[in-house]
C-alpha atoms as a PDB file:
ATOM      1  CA  MET A   1      -0.161  -0.031   0.287  1.00  0.00           C
ATOM      2  CA  ARG A   2       1.321   3.556  -1.056  1.00  0.00           C
ATOM      3  CA  ILE A   3       0.305   6.344   0.988  1.00  0.00           C
ATOM      4  CA  ALA A   4       0.793  10.308  -0.325  1.00  0.00           C
ATOM      5  CA  ILE A   5       1.841  12.347   2.769  1.00  0.00           C
ATOM      6  CA  ASP A   6       2.013  16.240   2.684  1.00  0.00           C
ATOM      7  CA  ALA A   7       4.782  16.669   4.545  1.00  0.00           C
ATOM      8  CA  MET A   8       4.441  20.797   4.898  1.00  0.00           C
ATOM      9  CA  GLY A   9       1.341  20.707   6.376  1.00  0.00           C
ATOM     10  CA  GLY A  10       0.591  21.582  10.043  1.00  0.00           C
ATOM     11  CA  ASP A  11       1.698  23.189  12.511  1.00  0.00           C
ATOM     12  CA  PHE A  12       4.357  21.469  13.427  1.00  0.00           C
ATOM     13  CA  ALA A  13       5.819  20.332   9.820  1.00  0.00           C
ATOM     14  CA  PRO A  14       7.924  19.099   8.386  1.00  0.00           C
ATOM     15  CA  CYS A  15       9.058  17.812  11.507  1.00  0.00           C
ATOM     16  CA  GLU A  16       6.117  15.909  13.370  1.00  0.00           C
ATOM     17  CA  VAL A  17       4.869  15.273  10.070  1.00  0.00           C
ATOM     18  CA  VAL A  18       8.444  13.479   8.752  1.00  0.00           C
ATOM     19  CA  ALA A  19       8.942  11.626  12.566  1.00  0.00           C
ATOM     20  CA  GLY A  20       4.749  10.248  12.141  1.00  0.00           C
ATOM     21  CA  ALA A  21       5.882   9.065   8.555  1.00  0.00           C
ATOM     22  CA  VAL A  22       8.996   7.136   9.826  1.00  0.00           C
ATOM     23  CA  LEU A  23       6.659   5.134  12.855  1.00  0.00           C
ATOM     24  CA  ALA A  24       4.285   4.391  10.393  1.00  0.00           C
ATOM     25  CA  SER A  25       6.578   2.797   7.669  1.00  0.00           C
ATOM     26  CA  GLU A  26       6.661  -0.089  10.322  1.00  0.00           C
ATOM     27  CA  LEU A  27       3.035  -0.821   9.675  1.00  0.00           C
ATOM     28  CA  PRO A  28       2.790  -4.465   8.332  1.00  0.00           C
ATOM     29  CA  ASN A  29       0.737  -3.102   5.589  1.00  0.00           C
ATOM     30  CA  ILE A  30       2.362  -0.037   4.019  1.00  0.00           C
ATOM     31  CA  ASP A  31       4.978  -0.572   1.153  1.00  0.00           C
ATOM     32  CA  ARG A  32       5.583   2.948   0.684  1.00  0.00           C
ATOM     33  CA  LEU A  33       5.060   6.313   2.042  1.00  0.00           C
ATOM     34  CA  ILE A  34       5.440   9.264  -0.083  1.00  0.00           C
ATOM     35  CA  LEU A  35       6.670  12.189   1.732  1.00  0.00           C
ATOM     36  CA  VAL A  36       5.456  15.394  -0.641  1.00  0.00           C
ATOM     37  CA  GLY A  37       7.709  19.145   0.377  1.00  0.00           C
ATOM     38  CA  ASP A  38      10.405  21.280   0.301  1.00  0.00           C
ATOM     39  CA  GLU A  39      13.140  18.134  -0.287  1.00  0.00           C
ATOM     40  CA  THR A  40      15.717  19.688   1.734  1.00  0.00           C
ATOM     41  CA  ALA A  41      13.915  20.320   4.957  1.00  0.00           C
ATOM     42  CA  ILE A  42      12.508  16.765   4.465  1.00  0.00           C
ATOM     43  CA  ARG A  43      16.146  15.137   4.321  1.00  0.00           C
ATOM     44  CA  ALA A  44      17.099  17.356   6.908  1.00  0.00           C
ATOM     45  CA  GLU A  45      14.188  15.604   9.356  1.00  0.00           C
ATOM     46  CA  LEU A  46      14.706  12.338   8.097  1.00  0.00           C
ATOM     47  CA  ALA A  47      18.260  12.550   9.289  1.00  0.00           C
ATOM     48  CA  VAL A  48      17.801  13.116  12.769  1.00  0.00           C
ATOM     49  CA  CYS A  49      14.513  10.607  12.814  1.00  0.00           C
ATOM     50  CA  GLY A  50      17.189   7.810  12.029  1.00  0.00           C
ATOM     51  CA  GLY A  51      15.693   4.362  11.504  1.00  0.00           C
ATOM     52  CA  ASP A  52      14.289   2.310   8.828  1.00  0.00           C
ATOM     53  CA  GLN A  53      13.643   4.643   5.926  1.00  0.00           C
ATOM     54  CA  SER A  54      13.437   1.979   3.071  1.00  0.00           C
ATOM     55  CA  LYS A  55       9.940   2.287   2.778  1.00  0.00           C
ATOM     56  CA  ILE A  56      10.183   6.105   2.635  1.00  0.00           C
ATOM     57  CA  GLU A  57      10.382   8.420  -1.140  1.00  0.00           C
ATOM     58  CA  ILE A  58      10.655  11.842  -1.222  1.00  0.00           C
ATOM     59  CA  ARG A  59       8.710  14.100  -3.761  1.00  0.00           C
ATOM     60  CA  HIS A  60       9.806  17.634  -4.318  1.00  0.00           C
ATOM     61  CA  ALA A  61       7.138  20.527  -4.295  1.00  0.00           C
ATOM     62  CA  SER A  62       7.935  23.956  -4.019  1.00  0.00           C
ATOM     63  CA  GLU A  63       4.886  25.923  -2.384  1.00  0.00           C
ATOM     64  CA  VAL A  64       2.985  24.953   0.362  1.00  0.00           C
ATOM     65  CA  VAL A  65      -0.821  26.399   0.822  1.00  0.00           C
ATOM     66  CA  GLU A  66      -0.242  28.598   4.310  1.00  0.00           C
ATOM     67  CA  MET A  67      -3.306  28.174   6.947  1.00  0.00           C
ATOM     68  CA  GLY A  68      -4.693  31.554   6.614  1.00  0.00           C
ATOM     69  CA  GLU A  69      -4.937  31.488   2.669  1.00  0.00           C
ATOM     70  CA  THR A  70      -7.881  30.882   0.682  1.00  0.00           C
ATOM     71  CA  PRO A  71      -8.250  27.049  -0.229  1.00  0.00           C
ATOM     72  CA  ALA A  72      -9.212  27.030  -3.765  1.00  0.00           C
ATOM     73  CA  HIS A  73      -7.694  30.081  -5.045  1.00  0.00           C
ATOM     74  CA  ALA A  74      -4.232  28.750  -3.053  1.00  0.00           C
ATOM     75  CA  VAL A  75      -4.916  25.259  -4.865  1.00  0.00           C
ATOM     76  CA  ARG A  76      -5.545  27.114  -8.343  1.00  0.00           C
ATOM     77  CA  LYS A  77      -2.582  29.587  -7.698  1.00  0.00           C
ATOM     78  CA  LYS A  78       0.105  27.488  -6.246  1.00  0.00           C
ATOM     79  CA  LYS A  79       0.501  24.475  -8.782  1.00  0.00           C
ATOM     80  CA  ASP A  80       3.440  23.062  -7.093  1.00  0.00           C
ATOM     81  CA  SER A  81       1.921  22.780  -3.464  1.00  0.00           C
ATOM     82  CA  SER A  82       2.943  19.981  -1.469  1.00  0.00           C
ATOM     83  CA  ILE A  83      -0.796  19.244  -0.892  1.00  0.00           C
ATOM     84  CA  GLY A  84      -1.529  19.553  -4.451  1.00  0.00           C
ATOM     85  CA  ARG A  85       1.442  17.020  -5.815  1.00  0.00           C
ATOM     86  CA  ALA A  86       0.252  14.756  -2.876  1.00  0.00           C
ATOM     87  CA  VAL A  87      -3.313  14.986  -4.283  1.00  0.00           C
ATOM     88  CA  GLU A  88      -2.117  14.328  -7.843  1.00  0.00           C
ATOM     89  CA  LEU A  89      -0.291  10.986  -7.102  1.00  0.00           C
ATOM     90  CA  VAL A  90      -3.827   9.547  -5.812  1.00  0.00           C
ATOM     91  CA  ARG A  91      -5.060  10.726  -8.752  1.00  0.00           C
ATOM     92  CA  ASP A  92      -2.326   9.581 -11.569  1.00  0.00           C
ATOM     93  CA  GLY A  93      -2.618   5.715  -9.713  1.00  0.00           C
ATOM     94  CA  GLU A  94       1.139   6.343  -7.836  1.00  0.00           C
ATOM     95  CA  ALA A  95      -0.435   6.093  -4.451  1.00  0.00           C
ATOM     96  CA  ASP A  96      -3.738   4.880  -2.713  1.00  0.00           C
ATOM     97  CA  ALA A  97      -4.092   7.316  -0.380  1.00  0.00           C
ATOM     98  CA  VAL A  98      -3.263  10.776   0.721  1.00  0.00           C
ATOM     99  CA  MET A  99      -3.004  12.463   3.837  1.00  0.00           C
ATOM    100  CA  SER A 100      -2.389  16.146   5.283  1.00  0.00           C
ATOM    101  CA  ALA A 101      -2.602  17.704   8.486  1.00  0.00           C
ATOM    102  CA  GLY A 102      -2.173  21.560   6.479  1.00  0.00           C
ATOM    103  CA  ASN A 103      -4.935  23.940   5.508  1.00  0.00           C
ATOM    104  CA  THR A 104      -8.413  21.579   5.795  1.00  0.00           C
ATOM    105  CA  GLY A 105     -10.192  23.627   2.919  1.00  0.00           C
ATOM    106  CA  ALA A 106      -7.244  23.168   0.671  1.00  0.00           C
ATOM    107  CA  ALA A 107      -6.868  19.743   1.158  1.00  0.00           C
ATOM    108  CA  VAL A 108     -10.828  19.519   0.331  1.00  0.00           C
ATOM    109  CA  ALA A 109     -10.611  21.586  -2.641  1.00  0.00           C
ATOM    110  CA  ALA A 110      -7.552  20.072  -4.413  1.00  0.00           C
ATOM    111  CA  SER A 111      -9.331  16.138  -3.285  1.00  0.00           C
ATOM    112  CA  ALA A 112     -12.407  17.616  -5.032  1.00  0.00           C
ATOM    113  CA  LEU A 113     -10.992  19.284  -8.110  1.00  0.00           C
ATOM    114  CA  LYS A 114      -8.618  16.482  -8.882  1.00  0.00           C
ATOM    115  CA  LEU A 115     -10.030  13.689  -7.521  1.00  0.00           C
ATOM    116  CA  ARG A 116     -13.901  14.582  -8.537  1.00  0.00           C
ATOM    117  CA  THR A 117     -16.423  12.724  -6.270  1.00  0.00           C
ATOM    118  CA  LEU A 118     -18.068   9.297  -6.466  1.00  0.00           C
ATOM    119  CA  PRO A 119     -20.644   8.065  -8.426  1.00  0.00           C
ATOM    120  CA  GLY A 120     -23.941   9.546  -7.360  1.00  0.00           C
ATOM    121  CA  VAL A 121     -22.008  11.741  -4.481  1.00  0.00           C
ATOM    122  CA  ASP A 122     -22.653  15.355  -5.171  1.00  0.00           C
ATOM    123  CA  ARG A 123     -20.051  16.721  -2.333  1.00  0.00           C
ATOM    124  CA  PRO A 124     -17.958  15.094  -0.402  1.00  0.00           C
ATOM    125  CA  ALA A 125     -17.990  15.180   3.604  1.00  0.00           C
ATOM    126  CA  ILE A 126     -15.338  15.490   6.381  1.00  0.00           C
ATOM    127  CA  ALA A 127     -16.153  12.150   9.040  1.00  0.00           C
ATOM    128  CA  THR A 128     -15.021  12.772  12.392  1.00  0.00           C
ATOM    129  CA  VAL A 129     -14.977  10.478  14.731  1.00  0.00           C
ATOM    130  CA  MET A 130     -15.738  10.992  18.886  1.00  0.00           C
ATOM    131  CA  PRO A 131     -15.617   9.430  21.703  1.00  0.00           C
ATOM    132  CA  THR A 132     -19.064   8.568  23.411  1.00  0.00           C
ATOM    133  CA  GLN A 133     -19.917   6.481  26.859  1.00  0.00           C
ATOM    134  CA  LYS A 134     -20.014   3.334  24.330  1.00  0.00           C
ATOM    135  CA  THR A 135     -18.713   2.976  21.001  1.00  0.00           C
ATOM    136  CA  PRO A 136     -17.414   5.680  19.142  1.00  0.00           C
ATOM    137  CA  VAL A 137     -19.631   8.215  17.040  1.00  0.00           C
ATOM    138  CA  VAL A 138     -18.993   9.350  13.270  1.00  0.00           C
ATOM    139  CA  LEU A 139     -19.953  13.116  12.986  1.00  0.00           C
ATOM    140  CA  LEU A 140     -20.322  14.579   9.391  1.00  0.00           C
ATOM    141  CA  ASP A 141     -20.124  16.570   7.727  1.00  0.00           C
ATOM    142  CA  ALA A 142     -17.975  18.583  10.091  1.00  0.00           C
ATOM    143  CA  GLY A 143     -17.065  21.283   7.932  1.00  0.00           C
ATOM    144  CA  ALA A 144     -16.477  20.955   4.219  1.00  0.00           C
ATOM    145  CA  ASN A 145     -19.870  22.442   3.318  1.00  0.00           C
ATOM    146  CA  THR A 146     -21.454  24.700   5.069  1.00  0.00           C
ATOM    147  CA  ASP A 147     -25.105  24.594   3.401  1.00  0.00           C
ATOM    148  CA  CYS A 148     -26.672  21.452   2.207  1.00  0.00           C
ATOM    149  CA  THR A 149     -29.820  20.081   0.915  1.00  0.00           C
ATOM    150  CA  PRO A 150     -31.695  17.142   2.130  1.00  0.00           C
ATOM    151  CA  ASP A 151     -30.114  14.801  -0.805  1.00  0.00           C
ATOM    152  CA  GLN A 152     -26.870  15.794   0.209  1.00  0.00           C
ATOM    153  CA  LEU A 153     -27.129  15.080   3.806  1.00  0.00           C
ATOM    154  CA  MET A 154     -28.803  11.567   2.691  1.00  0.00           C
ATOM    155  CA  GLN A 155     -25.400  11.042   0.963  1.00  0.00           C
ATOM    156  CA  PHE A 156     -23.783  11.440   4.080  1.00  0.00           C
ATOM    157  CA  ALA A 157     -25.679   9.584   6.158  1.00  0.00           C
ATOM    158  CA  VAL A 158     -24.936   6.683   3.524  1.00  0.00           C
ATOM    159  CA  MET A 159     -20.953   7.234   3.818  1.00  0.00           C
ATOM    160  CA  GLY A 160     -21.270   7.565   7.326  1.00  0.00           C
ATOM    161  CA  SER A 161     -22.729   4.143   7.920  1.00  0.00           C
ATOM    162  CA  VAL A 162     -20.494   2.658   5.563  1.00  0.00           C
ATOM    163  CA  TYR A 163     -17.626   3.950   7.200  1.00  0.00           C
ATOM    164  CA  SER A 164     -19.177   3.187  10.555  1.00  0.00           C
ATOM    165  CA  ARG A 165     -19.636  -0.417   9.661  1.00  0.00           C
ATOM    166  CA  LYS A 166     -16.046  -1.052   7.760  1.00  0.00           C
ATOM    167  CA  ILE A 167     -13.823   1.167   9.998  1.00  0.00           C
ATOM    168  CA  LEU A 168     -15.606   1.082  13.572  1.00  0.00           C
ATOM    169  CA  GLY A 169     -17.376  -2.420  13.320  1.00  0.00           C
ATOM    170  CA  ARG A 170     -20.746  -0.870  13.558  1.00  0.00           C
ATOM    171  CA  GLU A 171     -22.881  -3.245  11.679  1.00  0.00           C
ATOM    172  CA  ASN A 172     -26.368  -1.955  10.751  1.00  0.00           C
ATOM    173  CA  SER A 173     -25.169   1.678  12.323  1.00  0.00           C
ATOM    174  CA  VAL A 174     -27.551   3.474  13.922  1.00  0.00           C
ATOM    175  CA  VAL A 175     -28.151   7.015  12.140  1.00  0.00           C
ATOM    176  CA  GLY A 176     -29.362  10.223  13.834  1.00  0.00           C
ATOM    177  CA  LEU A 177     -30.205  13.708  12.609  1.00  0.00           C
ATOM    178  CA  LEU A 178     -28.595  16.286  14.824  1.00  0.00           C
ATOM    179  CA  SER A 179     -31.254  19.140  14.898  1.00  0.00           C
ATOM    180  CA  ILE A 180     -32.758  21.185  17.988  1.00  0.00           C
ATOM    181  CA  GLY A 181     -35.356  18.701  19.445  1.00  0.00           C
ATOM    182  CA  GLY A 182     -36.220  14.711  19.247  1.00  0.00           C
ATOM    183  CA  GLU A 183     -39.478  15.330  17.782  1.00  0.00           C
ATOM    184  CA  GLU A 184     -39.476  15.120  13.364  1.00  0.00           C
ATOM    185  CA  SER A 185     -41.425  18.234  13.577  1.00  0.00           C
ATOM    186  CA  LYS A 186     -38.391  20.117  14.833  1.00  0.00           C
ATOM    187  CA  GLY A 187     -35.719  22.188  13.186  1.00  0.00           C
ATOM    188  CA  ASN A 188     -35.305  24.036   9.952  1.00  0.00           C
ATOM    189  CA  ASP A 189     -36.943  23.373   6.694  1.00  0.00           C
ATOM    190  CA  VAL A 190     -33.933  21.626   5.409  1.00  0.00           C
ATOM    191  CA  THR A 191     -34.028  19.163   8.415  1.00  0.00           C
ATOM    192  CA  LYS A 192     -37.259  18.155   8.212  1.00  0.00           C
ATOM    193  CA  ARG A 193     -37.299  17.385   4.695  1.00  0.00           C
ATOM    194  CA  THR A 194     -34.269  15.394   5.554  1.00  0.00           C
ATOM    195  CA  HIS A 195     -35.927  13.655   8.218  1.00  0.00           C
ATOM    196  CA  ALA A 196     -38.579  12.488   5.960  1.00  0.00           C
ATOM    197  CA  ALA A 197     -36.143  11.536   3.198  1.00  0.00           C
ATOM    198  CA  LEU A 198     -34.511   9.445   5.841  1.00  0.00           C
ATOM    199  CA  GLN A 199     -37.246   7.687   7.385  1.00  0.00           C
ATOM    200  CA  LYS A 200     -38.130   6.041   3.825  1.00  0.00           C
ATOM    201  CA  SER A 201     -34.920   4.998   3.481  1.00  0.00           C
ATOM    202  CA  HIS A 202     -32.887   1.617   4.037  1.00  0.00           C
ATOM    203  CA  LEU A 203     -31.033   2.872   6.572  1.00  0.00           C
ATOM    204  CA  ASN A 204     -31.186   2.204  10.242  1.00  0.00           C
ATOM    205  CA  PHE A 205     -32.156   5.832  11.275  1.00  0.00           C
ATOM    206  CA  ARG A 206     -33.039   6.612  14.575  1.00  0.00           C
ATOM    207  CA  GLY A 207     -34.598   9.925  14.112  1.00  0.00           C
ATOM    208  CA  ASN A 208     -33.750  13.261  15.366  1.00  0.00           C
ATOM    209  CA  VAL A 209     -30.900  13.603  18.208  1.00  0.00           C
ATOM    210  CA  GLU A 210     -29.679  16.960  20.238  1.00  0.00           C
ATOM    211  CA  GLY A 211     -26.422  17.940  21.018  1.00  0.00           C
ATOM    212  CA  ARG A 212     -27.172  16.066  24.592  1.00  0.00           C
ATOM    213  CA  ASP A 213     -27.470  12.624  22.636  1.00  0.00           C
ATOM    214  CA  LEU A 214     -24.159  12.822  20.743  1.00  0.00           C
ATOM    215  CA  PHE A 215     -21.999  11.355  23.909  1.00  0.00           C
ATOM    216  CA  GLU A 216     -24.497   8.813  25.152  1.00  0.00           C
ATOM    217  CA  GLY A 217     -23.095   6.301  22.357  1.00  0.00           C
ATOM    218  CA  GLU A 218     -26.671   5.426  21.522  1.00  0.00           C
ATOM    219  CA  THR A 219     -26.046   6.532  18.114  1.00  0.00           C
ATOM    220  CA  ASP A 220     -23.556   5.575  15.319  1.00  0.00           C
ATOM    221  CA  VAL A 221     -23.876   8.633  12.625  1.00  0.00           C
ATOM    222  CA  VAL A 222     -25.096  11.670  13.485  1.00  0.00           C
ATOM    223  CA  VAL A 223     -25.734  13.767  10.265  1.00  0.00           C
ATOM    224  CA  CYS A 224     -25.856  17.797   9.725  1.00  0.00           C
ATOM    225  CA  ASP A 225     -24.445  20.287   7.387  1.00  0.00           C
ATOM    226  CA  GLY A 226     -20.612  21.414   7.976  1.00  0.00           C
ATOM    227  CA  PHE A 227     -21.517  24.446   9.505  1.00  0.00           C
ATOM    228  CA  VAL A 228     -23.073  22.926  12.495  1.00  0.00           C
ATOM    229  CA  GLY A 229     -20.847  19.901  12.501  1.00  0.00           C
ATOM    230  CA  ASN A 230     -17.829  22.192  12.731  1.00  0.00           C
ATOM    231  CA  VAL A 231     -19.239  24.698  15.015  1.00  0.00           C
ATOM    232  CA  VAL A 232     -20.149  21.421  17.113  1.00  0.00           C
ATOM    233  CA  LEU A 233     -16.656  20.016  16.579  1.00  0.00           C
ATOM    234  CA  LYS A 234     -14.616  22.995  18.276  1.00  0.00           C
ATOM    235  CA  THR A 235     -17.349  23.293  21.165  1.00  0.00           C
ATOM    236  CA  THR A 236     -16.299  19.748  21.777  1.00  0.00           C
ATOM    237  CA  GLU A 237     -12.507  20.452  21.607  1.00  0.00           C
ATOM    238  CA  SER A 238     -12.543  23.703  23.849  1.00  0.00           C
ATOM    239  CA  ALA A 239     -14.846  22.178  26.318  1.00  0.00           C
ATOM    240  CA  ALA A 240     -13.097  19.009  26.889  1.00  0.00           C
ATOM    241  CA  THR A 241      -9.513  21.094  26.869  1.00  0.00           C
ATOM    242  CA  ALA A 242     -11.263  23.416  29.728  1.00  0.00           C
ATOM    243  CA  ILE A 243     -12.691  20.826  31.828  1.00  0.00           C
ATOM    244  CA  THR A 244      -8.958  19.562  31.693  1.00  0.00           C
ATOM    245  CA  ARG A 245      -7.983  22.638  33.063  1.00  0.00           C
ATOM    246  CA  TRP A 246     -10.079  23.061  35.892  1.00  0.00           C
ATOM    247  CA  PHE A 247      -9.489  19.383  36.953  1.00  0.00           C
ATOM    248  CA  LYS A 248      -5.953  19.645  36.989  1.00  0.00           C
ATOM    249  CA  SER A 249      -6.019  22.378  38.958  1.00  0.00           C
ATOM    250  CA  GLU A 250      -8.551  21.309  41.823  1.00  0.00           C
ATOM    251  CA  LEU A 251      -6.769  17.803  41.967  1.00  0.00           C
ATOM    252  CA  THR A 252      -3.123  19.901  42.353  1.00  0.00           C
ATOM    253  CA  ALA A 253      -4.791  22.963  44.977  1.00  0.00           C
ATOM    254  CA  ASN A 254      -3.137  21.063  48.418  1.00  0.00           C
ATOM    255  CA  TRP A 255      -0.967  18.452  49.154  1.00  0.00           C
ATOM    256  CA  ILE A 256      -3.811  15.797  50.186  1.00  0.00           C
ATOM    257  CA  ARG A 257      -5.623  16.127  46.782  1.00  0.00           C
ATOM    258  CA  VAL A 258      -1.906  15.547  45.136  1.00  0.00           C
ATOM    259  CA  ALA A 259      -1.389  12.135  47.257  1.00  0.00           C
ATOM    260  CA  ALA A 260      -5.154  11.111  46.387  1.00  0.00           C
ATOM    261  CA  CYS A 261      -4.321  11.284  42.629  1.00  0.00           C
ATOM    262  CA  ALA A 262      -1.531   8.937  43.114  1.00  0.00           C
ATOM    263  CA  LEU A 263      -3.955   6.147  43.787  1.00  0.00           C
ATOM    264  CA  LEU A 264      -6.245   7.404  41.096  1.00  0.00           C
ATOM    265  CA  LYS A 265      -3.178   7.218  38.471  1.00  0.00           C
ATOM    266  CA  GLY A 266      -4.325   4.282  36.069  1.00  0.00           C
ATOM    267  CA  ALA A 267      -8.072   5.603  36.078  1.00  0.00           C
ATOM    268  CA  PHE A 268      -6.601   9.171  34.986  1.00  0.00           C
ATOM    269  CA  ARG A 269      -3.996   7.584  32.397  1.00  0.00           C
ATOM    270  CA  ASN A 270      -7.047   5.319  31.023  1.00  0.00           C
ATOM    271  CA  LEU A 271      -9.214   8.190  30.424  1.00  0.00           C
ATOM    272  CA  LYS A 272      -7.008  10.282  28.958  1.00  0.00           C
ATOM    273  CA  LYS A 273      -6.221   7.742  26.296  1.00  0.00           C
ATOM    274  CA  ARG A 274     -10.275   7.519  26.030  1.00  0.00           C
ATOM    275  CA  LEU A 275     -10.281  11.288  25.215  1.00  0.00           C
ATOM    276  CA  ASP A 276      -7.023  11.624  23.382  1.00  0.00           C
ATOM    277  CA  PRO A 277      -8.273  12.746  20.089  1.00  0.00           C
ATOM    278  CA  GLU A 278      -4.724  11.838  18.679  1.00  0.00           C
ATOM    279  CA  MET A 279      -5.411   8.074  18.860  1.00  0.00           C
ATOM    280  CA  TYR A 280      -8.357   8.168  16.285  1.00  0.00           C
ATOM    281  CA  GLY A 281      -6.302   9.811  13.732  1.00  0.00           C
ATOM    282  CA  GLY A 282      -7.407  12.228  11.225  1.00  0.00           C
ATOM    283  CA  ALA A 283     -11.164  13.012   9.597  1.00  0.00           C
ATOM    284  CA  PRO A 284     -11.782  10.794   6.560  1.00  0.00           C
ATOM    285  CA  LEU A 285     -12.884  13.256   3.478  1.00  0.00           C
ATOM    286  CA  LEU A 286     -15.548  10.746   2.313  1.00  0.00           C
ATOM    287  CA  GLY A 287     -17.226  10.591  -0.823  1.00  0.00           C
ATOM    288  CA  VAL A 288     -14.056  11.546  -3.316  1.00  0.00           C
ATOM    289  CA  ASN A 289     -12.657   9.144  -5.773  1.00  0.00           C
ATOM    290  CA  GLY A 290      -9.898   8.178  -3.598  1.00  0.00           C
ATOM    291  CA  VAL A 291      -8.774   8.357   0.110  1.00  0.00           C
ATOM    292  CA  CYS A 292      -8.386  11.369   1.652  1.00  0.00           C
ATOM    293  CA  ILE A 293      -7.501  11.647   5.460  1.00  0.00           C
ATOM    294  CA  ILE A 294      -6.922  15.131   7.087  1.00  0.00           C
ATOM    295  CA  ALA A 295      -5.457  15.692  10.383  1.00  0.00           C
ATOM    296  CA  HIS A 296      -5.453  17.997  13.370  1.00  0.00           C
ATOM    297  CA  GLY A 297      -3.161  20.851  12.149  1.00  0.00           C
ATOM    298  CA  GLY A 298      -1.469  20.494  15.763  1.00  0.00           C
ATOM    299  CA  SER A 299      -1.001  17.085  15.256  1.00  0.00           C
ATOM    300  CA  SER A 300       1.982  15.225  16.713  1.00  0.00           C
ATOM    301  CA  ARG A 301       3.908  12.284  15.429  1.00  0.00           C
ATOM    302  CA  HIS A 302       1.694  10.110  16.814  1.00  0.00           C
ATOM    303  CA  ALA A 303      -1.599  11.276  15.581  1.00  0.00           C
ATOM    304  CA  ILE A 304       0.351  11.509  12.148  1.00  0.00           C
ATOM    305  CA  TYR A 305       0.627   7.773  12.918  1.00  0.00           C
ATOM    306  CA  HIS A 306      -2.365   7.220  13.502  1.00  0.00           C
ATOM    307  CA  ALA A 307      -3.739   9.186  10.831  1.00  0.00           C
ATOM    308  CA  ILE A 308      -1.751   7.154   8.245  1.00  0.00           C
ATOM    309  CA  ARG A 309      -2.835   4.327   9.961  1.00  0.00           C
ATOM    310  CA  VAL A 310      -6.808   5.224   9.127  1.00  0.00           C
ATOM    311  CA  ALA A 311      -5.836   5.802   5.648  1.00  0.00           C
ATOM    312  CA  SER A 312      -4.487   2.271   5.091  1.00  0.00           C
ATOM    313  CA  GLU A 313      -7.404   0.866   7.089  1.00  0.00           C
ATOM    314  CA  ALA A 314     -10.014   2.425   4.698  1.00  0.00           C
ATOM    315  CA  VAL A 315      -7.918   1.259   1.209  1.00  0.00           C
ATOM    316  CA  GLU A 316      -7.717  -1.865   2.929  1.00  0.00           C
ATOM    317  CA  PHE A 317     -11.554  -2.091   3.736  1.00  0.00           C
ATOM    318  CA  HIS A 318     -12.494  -0.866   0.380  1.00  0.00           C
ATOM    319  CA  VAL A 319     -14.536   2.015   1.887  1.00  0.00           C
ATOM    320  CA  ASN A 320     -15.177   3.741  -1.143  1.00  0.00           C
ATOM    321  CA  ASP A 321     -16.239   0.605  -3.262  1.00  0.00           C
ATOM    322  CA  ASP A 322     -19.245  -0.075  -0.249  1.00  0.00           C
ATOM    323  CA  ILE A 323     -19.821   3.991  -0.654  1.00  0.00           C
ATOM    324  CA  VAL A 324     -20.844   3.603  -4.589  1.00  0.00           C
ATOM    325  CA  ALA A 325     -23.081   0.454  -4.026  1.00  0.00           C
ATOM    326  CA  GLU A 326     -25.055   1.802  -1.069  1.00  0.00           C
ATOM    327  CA  ILE A 327     -25.396   5.164  -2.531  1.00  0.00           C
ATOM    328  CA  ALA A 328     -26.792   3.265  -5.784  1.00  0.00           C
ATOM    329  CA  LYS A 329     -29.018   1.595  -3.383  1.00  0.00           C
ATOM    330  CA  LEU A 330     -30.206   4.922  -2.234  1.00  0.00           C
ATOM    331  CA  ASN A 331     -31.002   6.177  -5.432  1.00  0.00           C
ATOM    332  CA  GLY A 332     -32.849   2.967  -6.427  1.00  0.00           C
ATOM    333  CA  ALA A 333     -34.939   3.700  -3.108  1.00  0.00           C
ATOM    334  CA  THR A 334     -35.518   7.325  -4.062  1.00  0.00           C
END
């Protein structure tokens, strides 16, 4: 399996990206990792990493799409950008997947423009895996599309269900539509029309779910437009960070609490592991004619490692083939 990596994308690129790639090269299903970006900078980081680098290849790209740039414009203007060249490797059959921790919009734009969408898919969607009280939930769209039609939300539901089944092992995934109330009469016009369509589909549709239902673990896939999904995602990340800081502050307020923490060290370690977003790797851009994984901009080498792992799993389990089949089934029913 060959995976193209945007070595210049991310807050800590190329250092953490290259180090994560070296770690991921040890995965048994990886045949080659292609680092795309400034060759001189990449080689300098590889020299620091050491280890077996026999599966690592470098493709030079002279430009980088910065975080603050307008995505579509930057992709069109910077023909030799690292993200653009990495996506082209998938398009041209030289790689099976692409991974980037850089400008999310640029990754979406480059993938949509160069790879196009799968048959029957109008727009790709970012699927984010989030922890719950039980099994993880797939939230989509998490930011690729700010405005969506009911048909597009239906497609997101299908793609999320396939990903939940193939990657997370959730057979007959339970689908929920994010709204402001559980009743089918709640929500805006698009939500109401989507609810009616999902009820008639072949999907295991639970109905509307509210924000408070997200982390209960009773729903496997939660569907919304990218505007709402991105707000949910970033609010959740911010809340988790704030609570962690408050918790740490209270636990270290005096020596008695510090001593008590020693007895709970194992529990804290397990909780941290369960909530650690780096363990989930990157978010797949579902619906494009290829595999694209978008990692968090602040990804460490361990997050990059897991993002590459997720990319390899999406290829290995033929997620796109199942999406095409399920979209065709949906269109046949409607």
